[in-house]
Amino acid sequence: MKAIIVHGGAGAWPLSEHRAALDGVAKAARAAYQILEQDGTALDACQAAVMALEDNPLFNAGAGSVLTLDGACEMDAAIMRGSTFGAGAVAALRGVKNPIAVARKVMEETDHVLLAGEGAERFARTMGFPDHDPVTPERRRQWEHLRAEIASGKPRRSGLNERMLTSQPKAPPGTVGCVALDPSGEIVAGTSTGGVFMKLPGRVGDTPLLGAGTYASPDAGASATGLGEGVMKTLLAFRTVEAVGAGVSPQEAAQRAIDLLTRTLGTEAGIIVLAKDGRWGIAKNASTMPVAVMTEGIEPQVTI
């Protein structure tokens, strides 16, 4: 059985960007599925899908990452293999093109799971990743606009107050992710993000925290998106994967997790999950979340 499911971030996607977002997740799913068609592994396929989204400046990861309060780009990413519980992650990482690739190196080349900040950047250089500035002119322009509004005294989010989240003018939906299943039964989940706009320097979201934004077991894998603080507090990915392992359908497991988050915290999130038998689930409480699914012999199914 071969299957890929990809998401591009839950949130308020502008209608004008719906088609581009759907095209982006479909392209990522095709890139991943092509690897499986060529007898590649779920690990390679998952990384390829996430990298395709990191390279697309429309999404809030890699090239499209949003900026911190002081105008820097700090990115988080994680990748996890279900069969062995092997995992690697990076947090508050600066100066690389594809954080998901660095996260994989953490898994494969160290005895650690998570590297953060300057240490993660030094590790990336040791592994041969060149210095790269991922900040796009569009993200810089958005940051300057938000900074001017904060300076003017208008109520704006500065990383200190969740109530200001909805006051941002075009705050890009956060996080991209993929879950891949290869014919050997291996399940791999991967997630990458630039975090939330105007976050405090050093803030780490749910993405690189196993069980929160990313998780995989022999039974299923999941990738979450949304306001990381809420996802962390509810361990959204672990909760969903654990339910699938207990016999709950992927769709029901995803929906239960989102319902719990909505009921207890009320913050926005979304999640994708893929089981070892190829069944999948999607749930969200945000208005939109671009998703693409590919299974054997079927072109990408896309929804937002």
Protein backbone atom coordinates (compact mmCIF):
# COMPACT_ATOMS: atom_id res chain seq x y z
CA MET A 1 0.00 0.00 0.00
CA LYS A 2 1.26 3.47 -0.92
CA ALA A 3 -0.33 6.70 0.30
CA ILE A 4 0.52 10.36 0.86
CA ILE A 5 -1.40 13.08 2.69
CA VAL A 6 -0.16 16.68 2.80
CA HIS A 7 -1.41 19.87 4.44
CA GLY A 8 -0.46 23.50 3.92
CA GLY A 9 -1.58 25.05 7.20
CA ALA A 10 -4.89 25.73 8.93
CA GLY A 11 -6.15 29.29 9.17
CA ALA A 12 -7.90 32.04 7.27
CA TRP A 13 -6.56 31.53 3.76
CA PRO A 14 -7.63 34.46 1.53
CA LEU A 15 -9.97 33.37 -1.25
CA SER A 16 -7.52 34.78 -3.79
CA GLU A 17 -4.91 32.25 -2.65
CA HIS A 18 -7.08 29.13 -2.56
CA ARG A 19 -6.13 27.90 -6.02
CA ALA A 20 -2.41 28.49 -5.48
CA ALA A 21 -2.55 26.75 -2.10
CA LEU A 22 -4.31 23.72 -3.57
CA ASP A 23 -1.85 23.60 -6.45
CA GLY A 24 1.00 23.76 -3.94
CA VAL A 25 -0.15 20.84 -1.80
CA ALA A 26 -1.00 18.80 -4.91
CA LYS A 27 2.50 19.39 -6.30
CA ALA A 28 4.03 18.32 -2.98
CA ALA A 29 1.90 15.16 -2.91
CA ARG A 30 2.93 14.26 -6.46
CA ALA A 31 6.61 14.77 -5.66
CA ALA A 32 6.30 12.45 -2.67
CA TYR A 33 4.23 9.83 -4.45
CA GLN A 34 6.67 9.71 -7.38
CA ILE A 35 9.35 8.62 -4.91
CA LEU A 36 7.12 5.79 -3.68
CA GLU A 37 6.40 4.79 -7.29
CA GLN A 38 10.17 4.44 -7.80
CA ASP A 39 10.43 2.12 -4.79
CA GLY A 40 11.60 4.91 -2.51
CA THR A 41 10.90 4.96 1.20
CA ALA A 42 8.24 6.75 3.19
CA LEU A 43 11.06 8.70 4.83
CA ASP A 44 12.32 10.03 1.50
CA ALA A 45 8.78 10.72 0.30
CA CYS A 46 7.78 12.62 3.42
CA GLN A 47 10.89 14.78 3.30
CA ALA A 48 10.32 15.51 -0.40
CA ALA A 49 6.76 16.67 0.20
CA VAL A 50 7.70 18.94 3.09
CA MET A 51 10.65 20.38 1.16
CA ALA A 52 8.38 21.19 -1.78
CA LEU A 53 6.20 23.22 0.57
CA GLU A 54 9.21 24.83 2.28
CA ASP A 55 10.41 25.97 -1.16
CA ASN A 56 7.04 27.53 -1.99
CA PRO A 57 6.91 31.09 -0.55
CA LEU A 58 3.12 30.91 -0.30
CA PHE A 59 3.38 28.65 2.75
CA ASN A 60 4.63 29.57 6.22
CA ALA A 61 7.67 27.29 6.23
CA GLY A 62 11.14 27.57 4.74
CA ALA A 63 10.99 30.28 2.08
CA GLY A 64 7.63 31.59 3.30
CA SER A 65 8.43 31.68 7.00
CA VAL A 66 7.10 34.63 8.98
CA LEU A 67 9.31 36.80 11.18
CA THR A 68 9.81 37.29 14.89
CA LEU A 69 9.15 40.51 16.75
CA ASP A 70 12.73 41.62 16.05
CA GLY A 71 12.53 40.75 12.34
CA ALA A 72 14.42 37.45 12.33
CA CYS A 73 13.34 34.13 10.80
CA GLU A 74 13.32 31.23 13.29
CA MET A 75 12.01 27.93 11.97
CA ASP A 76 10.91 24.64 13.53
CA ALA A 77 10.68 21.19 11.92
CA ALA A 78 10.41 17.51 12.87
CA ILE A 79 10.34 14.12 11.18
CA MET A 80 9.45 10.77 12.77
CA ARG A 81 9.47 7.10 11.69
CA GLY A 82 6.66 5.01 13.06
CA SER A 83 8.34 1.60 12.92
CA THR A 84 11.26 2.52 15.18
CA PHE A 85 10.02 5.72 16.86
CA GLY A 86 13.15 7.31 15.45
CA ALA A 87 12.86 11.08 15.25
CA GLY A 88 14.76 14.28 14.66
CA ALA A 89 13.75 17.89 15.17
CA VAL A 90 15.06 21.44 15.11
CA ALA A 91 13.67 24.53 16.82
CA ALA A 92 14.31 28.27 16.44
CA LEU A 93 16.67 27.42 13.59
CA ARG A 94 18.03 30.29 11.49
CA GLY A 95 19.88 30.48 8.21
CA VAL A 96 18.90 27.31 6.33
CA LYS A 97 16.78 26.62 3.27
CA ASN A 98 15.06 23.38 4.33
CA PRO A 99 14.68 22.80 8.09
CA ILE A 100 13.08 19.38 7.51
CA ALA A 101 16.33 18.14 5.95
CA VAL A 102 18.28 19.27 9.01
CA ALA A 103 15.74 17.55 11.27
CA ARG A 104 16.33 14.29 9.42
CA LYS A 105 20.07 14.65 9.95
CA VAL A 106 19.46 15.05 13.68
CA MET A 107 17.64 11.72 13.58
CA GLU A 108 20.24 9.91 11.48
CA GLU A 109 23.53 11.43 12.64
CA THR A 110 23.06 12.02 16.37
CA ASP A 111 21.75 10.32 19.50
CA HIS A 112 19.53 13.35 20.15
CA VAL A 113 15.99 14.16 19.09
CA LEU A 114 15.82 17.96 19.24
CA LEU A 115 18.42 20.66 18.61
CA ALA A 116 17.56 24.34 19.07
CA GLY A 117 18.79 27.82 18.28
CA GLU A 118 22.49 28.43 17.74
CA GLY A 119 23.30 24.77 18.39
CA ALA A 120 20.92 23.66 15.65
CA GLU A 121 22.47 26.15 13.23
CA ARG A 122 26.00 24.99 14.05
CA PHE A 123 24.93 21.40 13.51
CA ALA A 124 23.42 22.31 10.14
CA ARG A 125 26.73 23.84 9.04
CA THR A 126 28.61 20.74 10.23
CA MET A 127 26.27 18.62 8.11
CA GLY A 128 27.05 20.72 5.05
CA PHE A 129 23.95 22.92 4.87
CA PRO A 130 25.04 26.34 3.53
CA ASP A 131 24.03 29.65 5.06
CA HIS A 132 20.75 30.73 3.49
CA ASP A 133 18.48 33.71 4.13
CA PRO A 134 14.88 32.47 3.75
CA VAL A 135 13.23 35.88 4.26
CA THR A 136 11.21 36.98 1.22
CA PRO A 137 10.44 40.61 0.31
CA GLU A 138 6.75 39.91 0.96
CA ARG A 139 7.36 38.66 4.51
CA ARG A 140 9.65 41.62 5.21
CA ARG A 141 6.98 44.01 3.94
CA GLN A 142 4.34 42.36 6.16
CA TRP A 143 6.67 42.56 9.16
CA GLU A 144 7.33 46.26 8.58
CA HIS A 145 3.58 46.89 8.37
CA LEU A 146 2.93 45.08 11.64
CA ARG A 147 5.87 46.76 13.36
CA ALA A 148 4.55 50.18 12.34
CA GLU A 149 1.12 49.36 13.78
CA ILE A 150 2.65 48.20 17.07
CA ALA A 151 4.71 51.41 17.25
CA SER A 152 1.59 53.49 16.60
CA GLY A 153 -0.08 52.03 19.66
CA LYS A 154 -2.77 50.10 17.77
CA PRO A 155 -3.68 46.80 19.46
CA ARG A 156 -1.43 44.25 17.82
CA ARG A 157 -0.12 40.87 18.73
CA SER A 158 3.50 40.94 19.90
CA GLY A 159 3.88 37.34 21.03
CA LEU A 160 2.58 38.21 24.49
CA ASN A 161 -1.17 38.09 24.10
CA GLU A 162 -3.18 35.43 22.28
CA ARG A 163 -6.16 37.78 22.12
CA MET A 164 -4.34 39.75 19.42
CA LEU A 165 -4.08 36.82 17.03
CA THR A 166 -7.15 37.71 15.01
CA SER A 167 -6.14 41.35 14.65
CA GLN A 168 -3.31 40.62 12.24
CA PRO A 169 -4.00 41.70 8.64
CA LYS A 170 -2.94 38.65 6.51
CA ALA A 171 -1.19 36.56 9.08
CA PRO A 172 -0.25 33.51 6.99
CA PRO A 173 -1.63 30.17 8.17
CA GLY A 174 1.14 28.35 9.99
CA THR A 175 2.87 25.06 9.35
CA VAL A 176 3.06 22.49 6.55
CA GLY A 177 3.18 18.74 6.94
CA CYS A 178 3.01 15.30 5.38
CA VAL A 179 2.39 11.71 6.37
CA ALA A 180 3.67 9.00 4.02
CA LEU A 181 3.05 5.24 3.87
CA ASP A 182 5.21 2.93 1.76
CA PRO A 183 4.60 -0.71 0.68
CA SER A 184 6.74 -2.05 3.54
CA GLY A 185 4.20 -0.58 5.96
CA GLU A 186 6.51 2.19 7.15
CA ILE A 187 4.74 5.37 8.23
CA VAL A 188 6.62 8.68 8.45
CA ALA A 189 5.27 12.03 9.62
CA GLY A 190 6.99 15.35 8.99
CA THR A 191 6.10 18.94 9.83
CA SER A 192 7.76 22.34 9.25
CA THR A 193 6.86 25.92 10.16
CA GLY A 194 7.98 29.50 10.50
CA GLY A 195 5.77 29.82 13.58
CA VAL A 196 3.48 32.76 14.29
CA PHE A 197 4.10 36.28 13.02
CA MET A 198 5.70 38.70 15.52
CA LYS A 199 6.46 35.91 17.98
CA LEU A 200 8.99 36.57 20.71
CA PRO A 201 12.54 35.54 19.74
CA GLY A 202 13.18 32.00 20.93
CA ARG A 203 9.52 30.99 20.91
CA VAL A 204 9.10 27.33 19.94
CA GLY A 205 5.78 25.98 18.75
CA ASP A 206 4.28 22.52 18.57
CA THR A 207 5.89 21.41 15.30
CA PRO A 208 9.20 20.04 16.67
CA LEU A 209 7.65 18.57 19.82
CA LEU A 210 6.88 14.89 19.39
CA GLY A 211 3.27 14.14 20.21
CA ALA A 212 2.18 17.75 19.81
CA GLY A 213 2.65 18.76 16.18
CA THR A 214 4.27 15.59 14.83
CA TYR A 215 3.96 11.92 15.72
CA ALA A 216 4.19 8.46 14.15
CA SER A 217 3.79 4.91 15.43
CA PRO A 218 3.58 1.52 13.72
CA ASP A 219 -0.16 2.15 13.43
CA ALA A 220 -0.44 5.70 12.08
CA GLY A 221 1.19 9.09 11.64
CA ALA A 222 -0.11 12.62 12.12
CA SER A 223 0.88 16.21 11.44
CA ALA A 224 -0.85 19.15 13.11
CA THR A 225 -1.15 22.84 12.28
CA GLY A 226 -2.57 25.92 13.95
CA LEU A 227 -1.74 27.92 17.06
CA GLY A 228 1.06 25.85 18.56
CA GLU A 229 0.36 26.70 22.17
CA GLY A 230 -3.03 24.98 21.96
CA VAL A 231 -1.67 21.99 20.07
CA MET A 232 1.07 21.53 22.68
CA LYS A 233 -1.35 21.67 25.57
CA THR A 234 -3.55 18.93 24.08
CA LEU A 235 -0.84 16.73 22.47
CA LEU A 236 -2.94 16.69 19.33
CA ALA A 237 -0.78 14.42 17.16
CA PHE A 238 -0.16 11.77 19.82
CA ARG A 239 -3.81 11.79 20.85
CA THR A 240 -4.89 11.17 17.26
CA VAL A 241 -2.34 8.44 16.49
CA GLU A 242 -3.02 6.67 19.79
CA ALA A 243 -6.75 6.58 19.03
CA VAL A 244 -6.12 5.02 15.62
CA GLY A 245 -3.94 2.36 17.28
CA ALA A 246 -6.83 1.61 19.64
CA GLY A 247 -9.15 0.90 16.71
CA VAL A 248 -10.78 4.28 16.11
CA SER A 249 -11.08 5.25 12.45
CA PRO A 250 -8.59 7.91 11.31
CA GLN A 251 -11.34 10.40 10.54
CA GLU A 252 -13.03 9.91 13.90
CA ALA A 253 -9.70 10.08 15.74
CA ALA A 254 -8.79 13.37 14.05
CA GLN A 255 -12.21 14.86 14.72
CA ARG A 256 -12.19 13.84 18.38
CA ALA A 257 -8.83 15.53 18.90
CA ILE A 258 -9.97 18.76 17.25
CA ASP A 259 -13.25 18.68 19.18
CA LEU A 260 -11.32 18.40 22.45
CA LEU A 261 -9.13 21.35 21.52
CA THR A 262 -12.13 23.43 20.53
CA ARG A 263 -14.02 22.57 23.69
CA THR A 264 -11.19 23.12 26.14
CA LEU A 265 -9.09 25.92 24.65
CA GLY A 266 -10.97 27.32 21.66
CA THR A 267 -7.81 27.89 19.62
CA GLU A 268 -7.53 27.17 15.89
CA ALA A 269 -5.91 24.00 14.61
CA GLY A 270 -6.07 21.28 12.02
CA ILE A 271 -4.65 17.78 11.72
CA ILE A 272 -4.05 15.09 9.11
CA VAL A 273 -3.61 11.41 9.95
CA LEU A 274 -2.75 8.33 7.87
CA ALA A 275 -3.14 4.74 9.09
CA LYS A 276 -1.08 1.69 8.15
CA ASP A 277 -3.96 0.33 6.04
CA GLY A 278 -4.09 3.50 3.94
CA ARG A 279 -7.16 5.05 5.52
CA TRP A 280 -6.81 8.72 6.33
CA GLY A 281 -8.53 11.52 8.21
CA ILE A 282 -8.67 15.31 8.15
CA ALA A 283 -10.14 17.58 10.82
CA LYS A 284 -9.97 21.29 11.58
CA ASN A 285 -11.77 24.06 13.42
CA ALA A 286 -10.19 26.80 11.29
CA SER A 287 -12.00 28.14 8.24
CA THR A 288 -9.60 26.66 5.71
CA MET A 289 -6.74 24.14 5.42
CA PRO A 290 -5.41 23.06 2.02
CA VAL A 291 -4.93 19.28 1.88
CA ALA A 292 -3.93 16.82 -0.85
CA VAL A 293 -4.23 13.03 -0.68
CA MET A 294 -2.75 10.47 -3.07
CA THR A 295 -3.29 6.74 -2.98
CA GLU A 296 -2.57 4.01 -5.52
CA GLY A 297 -3.81 4.83 -9.00
CA ILE A 298 -5.54 8.07 -7.99
CA GLU A 299 -4.55 11.64 -8.85
CA PRO A 300 -4.30 14.01 -5.88
CA GLN A 301 -7.59 14.68 -4.17
CA VAL A 302 -7.49 18.26 -2.94
CA THR A 303 -9.68 20.20 -0.53
CA ILE A 304 -9.52 23.45 1.35
